[in-house]
Amino acid sequence: MSEFDAVVGIDGGGTKTVAVLADTSGRELARATGAGANLQTVGAEVVRDRIATLLTALADQIGHAVGVRAISVSLAGVDRPADVPVATRAIEAAIASVALSRPRVSWELVTPVPAVTNDAVAALAAGARTLEGVVVIAGTGSIAFGIRDGQRARAGGWGSILGDEGSGYALGYDALRAVARAHDGRAPKTDLTGAILAHLALSAPPDLIGIVSAPTWGVADTASLAPVVVRVAEAGDLVAVDLVELAARELSISVMAVIRALGFESGQPLPVVQAGGLWQASRVLRDRFALHLSEGAPFARPALSEAEPVQGAVWMARRDAGFLDAALS
């Protein structure tokens, strides 16, 4: 018999995954952070192993018996209906392995299977304090997602090859191309050249070829250049400013697609949650996005999320377990 009930919320993005064990009121009892858990990028087996590692870390921080009544897992890459059972089986396997090795935590779920959704759902819950509205994520990847009267719509989130416009990856990729073009004389010179070379400890633009072509260079590495681009844009470099402007415009286009799909109208203000590290990093991105969005949807109210996405996952777990208060705590 457990000493008290608890819930688990997990937010798995492209770069990192955060897991929180909370009591019935939402108070955090334990936290663990690990590598990204994008289902499409790393696959179900890696998702299983990484979630199991985080659940084990949570269990090791608890000094008494706990009964987990609900778990809500929001993962990047859970984009299609067919992805949900794949991700769910991975989470179930992770829980089963931890249940054997850490019996102090018992899994007494009130739902027959763990709740698994796209990471945008947790971000919306965290930022809007409801599951009604739109969220636009700009981190390693990007996606716009909305819910209205239980109906869902999304735009973007196609991944680094097919989309993710306005993401950290897209911004880093465009900056690398701008540096290459400037070096050739095919495009204006830019302070991005010196900034990116310094960031990667390289001497000249041609050195980039070996770095970005290496098997060890991945999507997250390209996205890690986004803060460099933002910093150069904030300093006034016109090429970098144009790249941030493009990101803002693409993100607003995705949000407008969701607004149209769900039929949101100007009858009342529409919360548009801005989640992801890129929003936090760039005032220019926020300002330009707000301008573009106001032209198409003046009733939209974009605002940076004041809560971590993992808090939205905890909120949803509390809801599923019947512990939810009137507002997100």
C-alpha atoms as a PDB file:
ATOM      1  CA  MET A   1       0.000   0.000   0.000  1.00  0.00           C
ATOM      2  CA  SER A   2       1.401   3.416  -0.981  1.00  0.00           C
ATOM      3  CA  GLU A   3       1.773   6.233   1.528  1.00  0.00           C
ATOM      4  CA  PHE A   4       0.125   8.734  -0.805  1.00  0.00           C
ATOM      5  CA  ASP A   5      -1.005   9.246  -4.383  1.00  0.00           C
ATOM      6  CA  ALA A   6       0.972  11.075  -7.041  1.00  0.00           C
ATOM      7  CA  VAL A   7       1.084  11.727 -10.783  1.00  0.00           C
ATOM      8  CA  VAL A   8       3.846  11.898 -13.365  1.00  0.00           C
ATOM      9  CA  GLY A   9       4.116  14.391 -16.200  1.00  0.00           C
ATOM     10  CA  ILE A  10       6.705  14.065 -18.964  1.00  0.00           C
ATOM     11  CA  ASP A  11       7.569  16.524 -21.722  1.00  0.00           C
ATOM     12  CA  GLY A  12       9.836  15.093 -24.411  1.00  0.00           C
ATOM     13  CA  GLY A  13      11.162  17.538 -26.978  1.00  0.00           C
ATOM     14  CA  GLY A  14      13.779  17.280 -29.669  1.00  0.00           C
ATOM     15  CA  THR A  15      16.628  18.359 -27.413  1.00  0.00           C
ATOM     16  CA  LYS A  16      15.676  17.361 -23.877  1.00  0.00           C
ATOM     17  CA  THR A  17      13.076  15.461 -21.896  1.00  0.00           C
ATOM     18  CA  VAL A  18      11.792  16.552 -18.486  1.00  0.00           C
ATOM     19  CA  ALA A  19       9.899  14.302 -16.066  1.00  0.00           C
ATOM     20  CA  VAL A  20       8.182  15.480 -12.885  1.00  0.00           C
ATOM     21  CA  LEU A  21       6.581  13.506 -10.066  1.00  0.00           C
ATOM     22  CA  ALA A  22       3.949  15.629  -8.335  1.00  0.00           C
ATOM     23  CA  ASP A  23       1.401  15.206  -5.578  1.00  0.00           C
ATOM     24  CA  THR A  24      -2.350  15.519  -6.113  1.00  0.00           C
ATOM     25  CA  SER A  25      -2.221  19.318  -5.829  1.00  0.00           C
ATOM     26  CA  GLY A  26       0.510  19.612  -8.465  1.00  0.00           C
ATOM     27  CA  ARG A  27       3.350  20.244  -5.998  1.00  0.00           C
ATOM     28  CA  GLU A  28       6.607  18.945  -7.433  1.00  0.00           C
ATOM     29  CA  LEU A  29       8.137  16.061  -5.481  1.00  0.00           C
ATOM     30  CA  ALA A  30      10.922  15.005  -7.847  1.00  0.00           C
ATOM     31  CA  ARG A  31      12.358  16.014 -11.215  1.00  0.00           C
ATOM     32  CA  ALA A  32      14.635  14.381 -13.758  1.00  0.00           C
ATOM     33  CA  THR A  33      16.024  15.657 -17.065  1.00  0.00           C
ATOM     34  CA  GLY A  34      17.501  13.689 -19.948  1.00  0.00           C
ATOM     35  CA  ALA A  35      18.114  13.638 -23.681  1.00  0.00           C
ATOM     36  CA  GLY A  36      15.435  14.367 -26.267  1.00  0.00           C
ATOM     37  CA  ALA A  37      12.657  11.870 -26.985  1.00  0.00           C
ATOM     38  CA  ASN A  38      11.326  12.771 -30.418  1.00  0.00           C
ATOM     39  CA  LEU A  39       9.643   9.568 -31.582  1.00  0.00           C
ATOM     40  CA  GLN A  40      10.458  10.154 -35.243  1.00  0.00           C
ATOM     41  CA  THR A  41      14.076  11.111 -34.659  1.00  0.00           C
ATOM     42  CA  VAL A  42      15.248   8.542 -32.113  1.00  0.00           C
ATOM     43  CA  GLY A  43      12.700   5.745 -32.490  1.00  0.00           C
ATOM     44  CA  ALA A  44      10.487   3.854 -30.045  1.00  0.00           C
ATOM     45  CA  GLU A  45      13.245   1.799 -28.397  1.00  0.00           C
ATOM     46  CA  VAL A  46      15.290   4.858 -27.517  1.00  0.00           C
ATOM     47  CA  VAL A  47      12.154   6.617 -26.252  1.00  0.00           C
ATOM     48  CA  ARG A  48      11.468   3.605 -24.024  1.00  0.00           C
ATOM     49  CA  ASP A  49      14.994   3.570 -22.621  1.00  0.00           C
ATOM     50  CA  ARG A  50      15.147   7.312 -22.014  1.00  0.00           C
ATOM     51  CA  ILE A  51      11.757   7.421 -20.314  1.00  0.00           C
ATOM     52  CA  ALA A  52      12.713   4.419 -18.170  1.00  0.00           C
ATOM     53  CA  THR A  53      15.888   6.213 -17.106  1.00  0.00           C
ATOM     54  CA  LEU A  54      13.915   9.291 -16.075  1.00  0.00           C
ATOM     55  CA  LEU A  55      11.276   7.289 -14.213  1.00  0.00           C
ATOM     56  CA  THR A  56      14.036   5.456 -12.358  1.00  0.00           C
ATOM     57  CA  ALA A  57      15.610   8.781 -11.423  1.00  0.00           C
ATOM     58  CA  LEU A  58      12.278  10.025 -10.085  1.00  0.00           C
ATOM     59  CA  ALA A  59      11.808   6.872  -8.013  1.00  0.00           C
ATOM     60  CA  ASP A  60      15.305   7.180  -6.547  1.00  0.00           C
ATOM     61  CA  GLN A  61      14.504  10.660  -5.236  1.00  0.00           C
ATOM     62  CA  ILE A  62      11.510   9.471  -3.207  1.00  0.00           C
ATOM     63  CA  GLY A  63      12.140   8.183   0.288  1.00  0.00           C
ATOM     64  CA  HIS A  64       8.735   6.597   0.860  1.00  0.00           C
ATOM     65  CA  ALA A  65       6.110   4.564  -0.964  1.00  0.00           C
ATOM     66  CA  VAL A  66       4.177   6.364  -3.699  1.00  0.00           C
ATOM     67  CA  GLY A  67       1.290   5.232  -5.852  1.00  0.00           C
ATOM     68  CA  VAL A  68       1.264   6.835  -9.294  1.00  0.00           C
ATOM     69  CA  ARG A  69      -2.371   7.281 -10.286  1.00  0.00           C
ATOM     70  CA  ALA A  70      -1.820   8.806 -13.739  1.00  0.00           C
ATOM     71  CA  ILE A  71       0.992   9.550 -16.142  1.00  0.00           C
ATOM     72  CA  SER A  72       0.766  12.004 -19.028  1.00  0.00           C
ATOM     73  CA  VAL A  73       3.521  11.889 -21.626  1.00  0.00           C
ATOM     74  CA  SER A  74       3.836  14.531 -24.344  1.00  0.00           C
ATOM     75  CA  LEU A  75       6.406  13.690 -27.000  1.00  0.00           C
ATOM     76  CA  ALA A  76       7.668  15.445 -30.076  1.00  0.00           C
ATOM     77  CA  GLY A  77       7.099  13.302 -33.156  1.00  0.00           C
ATOM     78  CA  VAL A  78       3.774  11.856 -32.016  1.00  0.00           C
ATOM     79  CA  ASP A  79       2.077  13.476 -34.970  1.00  0.00           C
ATOM     80  CA  ARG A  80      -0.195  10.888 -36.600  1.00  0.00           C
ATOM     81  CA  PRO A  81      -2.812   8.570 -35.121  1.00  0.00           C
ATOM     82  CA  ALA A  82      -0.561   5.604 -35.899  1.00  0.00           C
ATOM     83  CA  ASP A  83       2.213   7.123 -33.743  1.00  0.00           C
ATOM     84  CA  VAL A  84       0.145   6.982 -30.548  1.00  0.00           C
ATOM     85  CA  PRO A  85       0.078   3.194 -30.052  1.00  0.00           C
ATOM     86  CA  VAL A  86       3.775   2.948 -30.896  1.00  0.00           C
ATOM     87  CA  ALA A  87       4.657   5.579 -28.304  1.00  0.00           C
ATOM     88  CA  THR A  88       2.195   4.106 -25.797  1.00  0.00           C
ATOM     89  CA  ARG A  89       3.811   0.671 -25.999  1.00  0.00           C
ATOM     90  CA  ALA A  90       7.204   2.285 -25.424  1.00  0.00           C
ATOM     91  CA  ILE A  91       5.929   4.076 -22.317  1.00  0.00           C
ATOM     92  CA  GLU A  92       4.256   0.913 -21.016  1.00  0.00           C
ATOM     93  CA  ALA A  93       7.529  -0.978 -21.423  1.00  0.00           C
ATOM     94  CA  ALA A  94       9.395   1.764 -19.566  1.00  0.00           C
ATOM     95  CA  ILE A  95       6.906   1.655 -16.691  1.00  0.00           C
ATOM     96  CA  ALA A  96       7.117  -2.140 -16.522  1.00  0.00           C
ATOM     97  CA  SER A  97      10.902  -2.100 -16.239  1.00  0.00           C
ATOM     98  CA  VAL A  98      10.853   0.532 -13.506  1.00  0.00           C
ATOM     99  CA  ALA A  99       8.081  -1.260 -11.619  1.00  0.00           C
ATOM    100  CA  LEU A 100      10.365  -4.285 -11.308  1.00  0.00           C
ATOM    101  CA  SER A 101      13.496  -2.401 -10.277  1.00  0.00           C
ATOM    102  CA  ARG A 102      11.896   0.262  -8.090  1.00  0.00           C
ATOM    103  CA  PRO A 103       8.983  -1.353  -6.181  1.00  0.00           C
ATOM    104  CA  ARG A 104       8.728   1.632  -3.824  1.00  0.00           C
ATOM    105  CA  VAL A 105       6.777   3.357  -6.597  1.00  0.00           C
ATOM    106  CA  SER A 106       3.627   1.436  -7.496  1.00  0.00           C
ATOM    107  CA  TRP A 107       1.789   2.090 -10.738  1.00  0.00           C
ATOM    108  CA  GLU A 108      -1.896   2.210  -9.845  1.00  0.00           C
ATOM    109  CA  LEU A 109      -3.107   4.017 -12.966  1.00  0.00           C
ATOM    110  CA  VAL A 110      -6.753   4.988 -13.111  1.00  0.00           C
ATOM    111  CA  THR A 111      -6.662   4.758 -16.905  1.00  0.00           C
ATOM    112  CA  PRO A 112      -6.035   1.451 -18.702  1.00  0.00           C
ATOM    113  CA  VAL A 113      -3.095   2.874 -20.689  1.00  0.00           C
ATOM    114  CA  PRO A 114      -0.768   5.848 -20.234  1.00  0.00           C
ATOM    115  CA  ALA A 115      -1.905   9.100 -21.845  1.00  0.00           C
ATOM    116  CA  VAL A 116       0.438   9.930 -24.735  1.00  0.00           C
ATOM    117  CA  THR A 117       0.104  13.056 -26.882  1.00  0.00           C
ATOM    118  CA  ASN A 118       2.173  15.389 -29.010  1.00  0.00           C
ATOM    119  CA  ASP A 119       4.347  17.752 -26.973  1.00  0.00           C
ATOM    120  CA  ALA A 120       2.300  20.696 -28.233  1.00  0.00           C
ATOM    121  CA  VAL A 121      -0.641  19.579 -26.092  1.00  0.00           C
ATOM    122  CA  ALA A 122       1.350  19.925 -22.873  1.00  0.00           C
ATOM    123  CA  ALA A 123       2.681  23.295 -24.006  1.00  0.00           C
ATOM    124  CA  LEU A 124      -0.863  24.537 -24.638  1.00  0.00           C
ATOM    125  CA  ALA A 125      -2.070  23.302 -21.246  1.00  0.00           C
ATOM    126  CA  ALA A 126       0.875  24.932 -19.504  1.00  0.00           C
ATOM    127  CA  GLY A 127       0.605  28.287 -21.219  1.00  0.00           C
ATOM    128  CA  ALA A 128      -3.151  28.763 -21.621  1.00  0.00           C
ATOM    129  CA  ARG A 129      -4.255  27.063 -18.382  1.00  0.00           C
ATOM    130  CA  THR A 130      -6.823  25.272 -20.515  1.00  0.00           C
ATOM    131  CA  LEU A 131      -7.032  22.967 -23.522  1.00  0.00           C
ATOM    132  CA  GLU A 132      -8.726  25.604 -25.654  1.00  0.00           C
ATOM    133  CA  GLY A 133      -6.609  27.844 -27.860  1.00  0.00           C
ATOM    134  CA  VAL A 134      -3.477  27.719 -29.987  1.00  0.00           C
ATOM    135  CA  VAL A 135       0.149  27.028 -29.153  1.00  0.00           C
ATOM    136  CA  VAL A 136       3.094  27.696 -31.432  1.00  0.00           C
ATOM    137  CA  ILE A 137       6.312  25.948 -30.498  1.00  0.00           C
ATOM    138  CA  ALA A 138       9.643  27.280 -31.715  1.00  0.00           C
ATOM    139  CA  GLY A 139      12.464  25.206 -30.317  1.00  0.00           C
ATOM    140  CA  THR A 140      14.638  22.653 -32.082  1.00  0.00           C
ATOM    141  CA  GLY A 141      11.598  22.051 -34.290  1.00  0.00           C
ATOM    142  CA  SER A 142       8.394  24.002 -34.787  1.00  0.00           C
ATOM    143  CA  ILE A 143       4.678  23.352 -34.872  1.00  0.00           C
ATOM    144  CA  ALA A 144       1.398  25.215 -34.441  1.00  0.00           C
ATOM    145  CA  PHE A 145      -1.369  23.305 -32.711  1.00  0.00           C
ATOM    146  CA  GLY A 146      -4.847  24.201 -31.549  1.00  0.00           C
ATOM    147  CA  ILE A 147      -7.915  22.801 -29.866  1.00  0.00           C
ATOM    148  CA  ARG A 148     -11.469  24.131 -30.078  1.00  0.00           C
ATOM    149  CA  ASP A 149     -14.482  22.325 -28.661  1.00  0.00           C
ATOM    150  CA  GLY A 150     -12.475  19.104 -28.598  1.00  0.00           C
ATOM    151  CA  GLN A 151     -11.456  19.400 -32.253  1.00  0.00           C
ATOM    152  CA  ARG A 152      -7.734  19.529 -33.002  1.00  0.00           C
ATOM    153  CA  ALA A 153      -5.701  20.995 -35.829  1.00  0.00           C
ATOM    154  CA  ARG A 154      -2.012  21.413 -36.483  1.00  0.00           C
ATOM    155  CA  ALA A 155       0.292  23.026 -39.020  1.00  0.00           C
ATOM    156  CA  GLY A 156       3.994  22.508 -39.426  1.00  0.00           C
ATOM    157  CA  GLY A 157       5.888  19.953 -37.393  1.00  0.00           C
ATOM    158  CA  TRP A 158       6.916  18.061 -40.512  1.00  0.00           C
ATOM    159  CA  GLY A 159      10.480  17.610 -39.318  1.00  0.00           C
ATOM    160  CA  SER A 160      13.764  19.049 -40.477  1.00  0.00           C
ATOM    161  CA  ILE A 161      13.596  17.645 -44.016  1.00  0.00           C
ATOM    162  CA  LEU A 162      10.020  18.531 -44.923  1.00  0.00           C
ATOM    163  CA  GLY A 163       9.396  21.568 -42.764  1.00  0.00           C
ATOM    164  CA  ASP A 164       9.978  22.938 -39.254  1.00  0.00           C
ATOM    165  CA  GLU A 165       9.974  26.449 -40.673  1.00  0.00           C
ATOM    166  CA  GLY A 166      10.663  29.066 -38.018  1.00  0.00           C
ATOM    167  CA  SER A 167      12.433  26.559 -35.780  1.00  0.00           C
ATOM    168  CA  GLY A 168      15.870  26.683 -34.250  1.00  0.00           C
ATOM    169  CA  TYR A 169      16.960  24.117 -36.809  1.00  0.00           C
ATOM    170  CA  ALA A 170      15.652  26.179 -39.735  1.00  0.00           C
ATOM    171  CA  LEU A 171      17.288  29.325 -38.386  1.00  0.00           C
ATOM    172  CA  GLY A 172      20.634  27.566 -37.927  1.00  0.00           C
ATOM    173  CA  TYR A 173      20.441  25.925 -41.340  1.00  0.00           C
ATOM    174  CA  ASP A 174      19.611  29.194 -43.096  1.00  0.00           C
ATOM    175  CA  ALA A 175      22.468  30.899 -41.279  1.00  0.00           C
ATOM    176  CA  LEU A 176      24.957  28.265 -42.433  1.00  0.00           C
ATOM    177  CA  ARG A 177      23.812  28.770 -46.013  1.00  0.00           C
ATOM    178  CA  ALA A 178      24.085  32.544 -45.617  1.00  0.00           C
ATOM    179  CA  VAL A 179      27.690  32.172 -44.447  1.00  0.00           C
ATOM    180  CA  ALA A 180      28.532  29.926 -47.412  1.00  0.00           C
ATOM    181  CA  ARG A 181      26.899  32.281 -49.906  1.00  0.00           C
ATOM    182  CA  ALA A 182      28.612  35.322 -48.403  1.00  0.00           C
ATOM    183  CA  HIS A 183      31.992  33.592 -48.587  1.00  0.00           C
ATOM    184  CA  ASP A 184      31.466  32.945 -52.306  1.00  0.00           C
ATOM    185  CA  GLY A 185      30.318  36.483 -52.990  1.00  0.00           C
ATOM    186  CA  ARG A 186      26.834  35.252 -53.940  1.00  0.00           C
ATOM    187  CA  ALA A 187      25.215  37.165 -51.109  1.00  0.00           C
ATOM    188  CA  PRO A 188      26.013  40.126 -48.827  1.00  0.00           C
ATOM    189  CA  LYS A 189      28.683  39.798 -46.180  1.00  0.00           C
ATOM    190  CA  THR A 190      27.347  39.155 -42.720  1.00  0.00           C
ATOM    191  CA  ASP A 191      28.536  39.150 -39.135  1.00  0.00           C
ATOM    192  CA  LEU A 192      27.104  35.655 -38.940  1.00  0.00           C
ATOM    193  CA  THR A 193      30.342  34.427 -40.505  1.00  0.00           C
ATOM    194  CA  GLY A 194      32.588  35.426 -37.637  1.00  0.00           C
ATOM    195  CA  ALA A 195      30.015  34.568 -34.986  1.00  0.00           C
ATOM    196  CA  ILE A 196      29.367  31.026 -36.238  1.00  0.00           C
ATOM    197  CA  LEU A 197      33.041  30.294 -36.879  1.00  0.00           C
ATOM    198  CA  ALA A 198      33.856  31.442 -33.354  1.00  0.00           C
ATOM    199  CA  HIS A 199      31.022  29.361 -31.921  1.00  0.00           C
ATOM    200  CA  LEU A 200      32.343  26.236 -33.645  1.00  0.00           C
ATOM    201  CA  ALA A 201      36.033  27.100 -33.092  1.00  0.00           C
ATOM    202  CA  LEU A 202      36.746  27.134 -36.850  1.00  0.00           C
ATOM    203  CA  SER A 203      39.079  29.311 -38.875  1.00  0.00           C
ATOM    204  CA  ALA A 204      37.318  29.804 -42.206  1.00  0.00           C
ATOM    205  CA  PRO A 205      33.935  29.065 -43.846  1.00  0.00           C
ATOM    206  CA  PRO A 206      35.234  26.077 -45.868  1.00  0.00           C
ATOM    207  CA  ASP A 207      35.938  24.370 -42.542  1.00  0.00           C
ATOM    208  CA  LEU A 208      32.179  24.121 -42.066  1.00  0.00           C
ATOM    209  CA  ILE A 209      31.926  21.421 -44.728  1.00  0.00           C
ATOM    210  CA  GLY A 210      33.712  18.779 -42.698  1.00  0.00           C
ATOM    211  CA  ILE A 211      31.824  19.679 -39.520  1.00  0.00           C
ATOM    212  CA  VAL A 212      28.258  19.637 -40.860  1.00  0.00           C
ATOM    213  CA  SER A 213      28.907  16.614 -43.097  1.00  0.00           C
ATOM    214  CA  ALA A 214      30.156  14.440 -40.244  1.00  0.00           C
ATOM    215  CA  PRO A 215      27.908  11.571 -39.093  1.00  0.00           C
ATOM    216  CA  THR A 216      27.983  13.025 -35.591  1.00  0.00           C
ATOM    217  CA  TRP A 217      26.414  16.318 -36.706  1.00  0.00           C
ATOM    218  CA  GLY A 218      22.661  16.254 -36.301  1.00  0.00           C
ATOM    219  CA  VAL A 219      19.523  18.339 -36.165  1.00  0.00           C
ATOM    220  CA  ALA A 220      20.187  19.482 -32.599  1.00  0.00           C
ATOM    221  CA  ASP A 221      23.670  20.683 -33.587  1.00  0.00           C
ATOM    222  CA  THR A 222      22.234  22.849 -36.357  1.00  0.00           C
ATOM    223  CA  ALA A 223      19.561  24.148 -33.983  1.00  0.00           C
ATOM    224  CA  SER A 224      22.257  25.045 -31.443  1.00  0.00           C
ATOM    225  CA  LEU A 225      23.344  27.805 -33.832  1.00  0.00           C
ATOM    226  CA  ALA A 226      20.001  29.611 -33.474  1.00  0.00           C
ATOM    227  CA  PRO A 227      21.045  31.615 -30.377  1.00  0.00           C
ATOM    228  CA  VAL A 228      24.068  32.824 -32.339  1.00  0.00           C
ATOM    229  CA  VAL A 229      21.812  34.010 -35.158  1.00  0.00           C
ATOM    230  CA  VAL A 230      19.500  35.739 -32.684  1.00  0.00           C
ATOM    231  CA  ARG A 231      22.398  37.502 -30.992  1.00  0.00           C
ATOM    232  CA  VAL A 232      23.763  38.774 -34.310  1.00  0.00           C
ATOM    233  CA  ALA A 233      20.272  39.904 -35.358  1.00  0.00           C
ATOM    234  CA  GLU A 234      19.754  41.768 -32.095  1.00  0.00           C
ATOM    235  CA  ALA A 235      23.031  43.582 -32.824  1.00  0.00           C
ATOM    236  CA  GLY A 236      21.574  44.800 -36.115  1.00  0.00           C
ATOM    237  CA  ASP A 237      23.157  42.608 -38.804  1.00  0.00           C
ATOM    238  CA  LEU A 238      20.761  42.862 -41.738  1.00  0.00           C
ATOM    239  CA  VAL A 239      21.246  39.307 -42.990  1.00  0.00           C
ATOM    240  CA  ALA A 240      20.532  37.878 -39.545  1.00  0.00           C
ATOM    241  CA  VAL A 241      17.548  40.211 -39.116  1.00  0.00           C
ATOM    242  CA  ASP A 242      16.124  38.944 -42.403  1.00  0.00           C
ATOM    243  CA  LEU A 243      16.473  35.338 -41.232  1.00  0.00           C
ATOM    244  CA  VAL A 244      14.639  36.077 -37.989  1.00  0.00           C
ATOM    245  CA  GLU A 245      11.981  37.966 -39.942  1.00  0.00           C
ATOM    246  CA  LEU A 246      11.495  34.903 -42.172  1.00  0.00           C
ATOM    247  CA  ALA A 247      11.107  32.706 -39.095  1.00  0.00           C
ATOM    248  CA  ALA A 248       8.510  35.063 -37.619  1.00  0.00           C
ATOM    249  CA  ARG A 249       6.529  35.139 -40.845  1.00  0.00           C
ATOM    250  CA  GLU A 250       6.567  31.348 -41.222  1.00  0.00           C
ATOM    251  CA  LEU A 251       5.423  30.824 -37.634  1.00  0.00           C
ATOM    252  CA  SER A 252       2.562  33.284 -38.095  1.00  0.00           C
ATOM    253  CA  ILE A 253       1.509  31.479 -41.283  1.00  0.00           C
ATOM    254  CA  SER A 254       1.315  28.195 -39.354  1.00  0.00           C
ATOM    255  CA  VAL A 255      -0.780  29.764 -36.603  1.00  0.00           C
ATOM    256  CA  MET A 256      -3.131  31.311 -39.147  1.00  0.00           C
ATOM    257  CA  ALA A 257      -3.597  27.885 -40.767  1.00  0.00           C
ATOM    258  CA  VAL A 258      -4.677  26.439 -37.408  1.00  0.00           C
ATOM    259  CA  ILE A 259      -6.989  29.388 -36.709  1.00  0.00           C
ATOM    260  CA  ARG A 260      -8.719  28.868 -40.058  1.00  0.00           C
ATOM    261  CA  ALA A 261      -8.936  25.101 -39.649  1.00  0.00           C
ATOM    262  CA  LEU A 262     -10.656  25.390 -36.272  1.00  0.00           C
ATOM    263  CA  GLY A 263     -12.845  28.340 -37.196  1.00  0.00           C
ATOM    264  CA  PHE A 264     -11.659  30.674 -34.455  1.00  0.00           C
ATOM    265  CA  GLU A 265     -13.295  34.061 -34.948  1.00  0.00           C
ATOM    266  CA  SER A 266     -13.036  37.559 -33.577  1.00  0.00           C
ATOM    267  CA  GLY A 267     -15.837  37.155 -31.037  1.00  0.00           C
ATOM    268  CA  GLN A 268     -13.398  36.856 -28.153  1.00  0.00           C
ATOM    269  CA  PRO A 269      -9.645  37.076 -27.585  1.00  0.00           C
ATOM    270  CA  LEU A 270      -7.780  33.953 -28.644  1.00  0.00           C
ATOM    271  CA  PRO A 271      -4.822  32.848 -26.512  1.00  0.00           C
ATOM    272  CA  VAL A 272      -1.787  31.998 -28.634  1.00  0.00           C
ATOM    273  CA  VAL A 273       0.849  30.416 -26.424  1.00  0.00           C
ATOM    274  CA  GLN A 274       4.468  30.878 -27.500  1.00  0.00           C
ATOM    275  CA  ALA A 275       6.514  27.955 -26.198  1.00  0.00           C
ATOM    276  CA  GLY A 276      10.081  26.890 -26.863  1.00  0.00           C
ATOM    277  CA  GLY A 277      13.503  28.342 -26.307  1.00  0.00           C
ATOM    278  CA  LEU A 278      13.629  30.393 -29.501  1.00  0.00           C
ATOM    279  CA  TRP A 279      10.823  32.668 -28.304  1.00  0.00           C
ATOM    280  CA  GLN A 280      12.632  33.306 -25.045  1.00  0.00           C
ATOM    281  CA  ALA A 281      15.847  34.143 -26.873  1.00  0.00           C
ATOM    282  CA  SER A 282      14.654  36.685 -29.415  1.00  0.00           C
ATOM    283  CA  ARG A 283      12.770  39.920 -28.845  1.00  0.00           C
ATOM    284  CA  VAL A 284      12.915  40.589 -32.606  1.00  0.00           C
ATOM    285  CA  LEU A 285      11.216  37.253 -33.302  1.00  0.00           C
ATOM    286  CA  ARG A 286       8.453  37.979 -30.790  1.00  0.00           C
ATOM    287  CA  ASP A 287       7.844  41.489 -32.093  1.00  0.00           C
ATOM    288  CA  ARG A 288       7.774  40.530 -35.764  1.00  0.00           C
ATOM    289  CA  PHE A 289       5.562  37.511 -35.103  1.00  0.00           C
ATOM    290  CA  ALA A 290       3.057  39.658 -33.192  1.00  0.00           C
ATOM    291  CA  LEU A 291       2.959  42.128 -36.074  1.00  0.00           C
ATOM    292  CA  HIS A 292       2.358  39.470 -38.729  1.00  0.00           C
ATOM    293  CA  LEU A 293      -0.274  37.708 -36.626  1.00  0.00           C
ATOM    294  CA  SER A 294      -2.147  40.944 -35.930  1.00  0.00           C
ATOM    295  CA  GLU A 295      -2.564  41.496 -39.659  1.00  0.00           C
ATOM    296  CA  GLY A 296      -4.411  38.210 -40.132  1.00  0.00           C
ATOM    297  CA  ALA A 297      -5.989  37.664 -36.716  1.00  0.00           C
ATOM    298  CA  PRO A 298      -6.271  40.891 -34.703  1.00  0.00           C
ATOM    299  CA  PHE A 299      -8.215  38.991 -32.026  1.00  0.00           C
ATOM    300  CA  ALA A 300      -5.220  36.702 -31.313  1.00  0.00           C
ATOM    301  CA  ARG A 301      -3.319  37.384 -28.101  1.00  0.00           C
ATOM    302  CA  PRO A 302       0.204  35.964 -28.376  1.00  0.00           C
ATOM    303  CA  ALA A 303       2.067  35.611 -25.093  1.00  0.00           C
ATOM    304  CA  LEU A 304       5.125  33.782 -23.856  1.00  0.00           C
ATOM    305  CA  SER A 305       4.280  30.797 -21.733  1.00  0.00           C
ATOM    306  CA  GLU A 306       4.952  31.473 -18.060  1.00  0.00           C
ATOM    307  CA  ALA A 307       4.999  27.756 -17.255  1.00  0.00           C
ATOM    308  CA  GLU A 308       7.180  24.903 -18.458  1.00  0.00           C
ATOM    309  CA  PRO A 309       5.506  22.423 -20.815  1.00  0.00           C
ATOM    310  CA  VAL A 310       6.124  19.681 -18.261  1.00  0.00           C
ATOM    311  CA  GLN A 311       3.759  21.527 -15.921  1.00  0.00           C
ATOM    312  CA  GLY A 312       1.095  21.119 -18.576  1.00  0.00           C
ATOM    313  CA  ALA A 313       1.815  17.383 -18.644  1.00  0.00           C
ATOM    314  CA  VAL A 314       1.428  17.269 -14.847  1.00  0.00           C
ATOM    315  CA  TRP A 315      -1.848  19.202 -15.151  1.00  0.00           C
ATOM    316  CA  MET A 316      -3.181  16.676 -17.655  1.00  0.00           C
ATOM    317  CA  ALA A 317      -2.133  13.762 -15.433  1.00  0.00           C
ATOM    318  CA  ARG A 318      -3.943  15.370 -12.495  1.00  0.00           C
ATOM    319  CA  ARG A 319      -7.010  15.821 -14.693  1.00  0.00           C
ATOM    320  CA  ASP A 320      -6.931  12.162 -15.738  1.00  0.00           C
ATOM    321  CA  ALA A 321      -6.589  11.068 -12.116  1.00  0.00           C
ATOM    322  CA  GLY A 322      -9.462  13.281 -10.958  1.00  0.00           C
ATOM    323  CA  PHE A 323      -7.211  15.581  -8.911  1.00  0.00           C
ATOM    324  CA  LEU A 324      -7.520  18.692 -11.043  1.00  0.00           C
ATOM    325  CA  ASP A 325      -8.382  22.017  -9.437  1.00  0.00           C
ATOM    326  CA  ALA A 326     -10.263  24.731 -11.267  1.00  0.00           C
ATOM    327  CA  ALA A 327      -7.031  26.320 -12.513  1.00  0.00           C
ATOM    328  CA  LEU A 328      -3.601  25.085 -13.395  1.00  0.00           C
ATOM    329  CA  SER A 329      -1.379  25.225 -10.328  1.00  0.00           C
END
